[in-house]
Protein backbone atom coordinates (compact mmCIF):
# COMPACT_ATOMS: atom_id res chain seq x y z
CA MET A 1 0.00 0.00 0.00
CA ASN A 2 1.47 3.31 -0.95
CA THR A 3 1.31 6.46 1.17
CA SER A 4 -1.03 8.26 -1.19
CA SER A 5 -3.83 5.77 -0.56
CA ARG A 6 -3.63 6.08 3.21
CA ARG A 7 -6.02 8.42 4.85
CA ARG A 8 -4.41 11.41 6.30
CA LYS A 9 -5.56 12.47 9.73
CA THR A 10 -6.46 16.09 9.85
CA SER A 11 -7.51 17.90 12.92
CA THR A 12 -10.38 20.23 12.57
CA THR A 13 -11.03 22.95 15.04
CA THR A 14 -14.54 23.82 15.97
CA PRO A 15 -15.45 27.20 17.30
CA GLN A 16 -16.11 27.22 21.00
CA ARG A 17 -19.81 27.33 21.69
CA LYS A 18 -21.08 30.08 23.88
CA THR A 19 -24.29 29.74 25.76
CA ALA A 20 -26.74 32.16 24.30
CA SER A 21 -28.56 34.13 26.94
CA MET A 22 -32.21 33.23 27.16
CA CYS A 23 -32.96 36.54 28.86
CA GLN A 24 -34.68 39.07 26.65
CA HIS A 25 -35.81 41.26 29.54
CA GLN A 26 -34.90 44.89 30.09
CA PRO A 27 -33.14 45.37 32.39
CA PRO A 28 -31.58 41.92 31.96
CA CYS A 29 -31.95 39.31 34.67
CA PRO A 30 -29.03 38.55 37.00
CA SER A 31 -26.41 36.24 35.51
CA ALA A 32 -25.89 32.68 36.73
CA GLU A 33 -22.69 33.81 38.45
CA SER A 34 -24.28 36.58 40.49
CA ALA A 35 -25.45 36.16 44.08
CA ASP A 36 -29.06 37.06 43.19
CA ARG A 37 -29.28 34.53 40.31
CA GLU A 38 -32.55 33.12 41.70
CA ALA A 39 -34.31 36.41 40.83
CA ALA A 40 -34.22 35.60 37.10
CA HIS A 41 -37.50 34.97 35.26
CA LEU A 42 -38.86 31.45 34.85
CA VAL A 43 -38.53 29.88 31.41
CA ALA A 44 -39.90 26.45 32.31
CA HIS A 45 -41.60 25.27 35.49
CA HIS A 46 -42.18 21.58 36.23
CA PRO A 47 -43.42 21.23 39.83
CA GLU A 48 -44.42 17.61 39.17
CA GLN A 49 -40.73 16.87 38.55
CA GLY A 50 -39.42 19.29 41.17
CA TRP A 51 -37.43 21.72 39.01
CA SER A 52 -37.59 25.04 37.19
CA LEU A 53 -35.38 26.59 34.51
CA LEU A 54 -34.52 30.27 34.88
CA CYS A 55 -33.69 32.52 31.94
CA ASN A 56 -30.05 32.76 33.07
CA GLY A 57 -29.66 29.00 32.53
CA VAL A 58 -29.89 27.99 36.21
CA LEU A 59 -31.85 24.85 37.08
CA LEU A 60 -33.57 25.50 40.39
CA PHE A 61 -34.79 22.46 42.34
CA GLU A 62 -37.66 22.41 44.82
CA ASP A 63 -35.28 21.51 47.67
CA THR A 64 -33.58 24.88 46.89
CA GLY A 65 -30.54 23.23 45.33
CA GLU A 66 -29.27 24.60 42.03
CA LEU A 67 -27.36 23.45 38.96
CA LEU A 68 -25.52 26.26 37.20
CA PRO A 69 -24.92 26.28 33.43
CA ASP A 70 -21.22 25.49 33.92
CA GLY A 71 -22.11 22.31 35.85
CA GLN A 72 -21.45 23.71 39.32
CA VAL A 73 -23.79 22.33 41.99
CA ILE A 74 -25.17 24.62 44.68
CA ASP A 75 -26.33 22.70 47.76
CA PRO A 76 -29.85 23.26 49.08
CA HIS A 77 -30.13 26.34 51.27
CA ARG A 78 -33.51 26.20 52.91
CA PRO A 79 -34.41 29.02 55.29
CA MET A 80 -34.73 28.15 58.94
CA GLY A 81 -38.27 27.15 59.97
CA THR A 82 -40.18 29.09 62.59
CA GLY A 83 -39.48 26.33 65.13
CA GLN A 84 -35.76 27.09 64.92
CA VAL A 85 -35.97 30.87 65.12
CA VAL A 86 -34.95 32.36 68.46
CA THR A 87 -36.37 35.72 69.41
CA ALA A 88 -34.85 38.09 71.91
CA ALA A 89 -36.95 38.93 74.97
């Protein structure tokens, strides 16, 4: 077999994909990286499955956990119930 009949491996580069923002609101919703990311508008809401998708790409779960667009997991952060709140006299 001669070298001209062998397939030559070529590497192709693909442009890096950027997540398009789903937010079309003015002013725009908080980004997924900001501390107030949960204030973004709902894009999809599935209470029967226990999750919602916000327009900044954050998946918000009913246990208050979150999955950010970059794959980072935010642990649930439920507020303290009234039985655990201590009031000063």
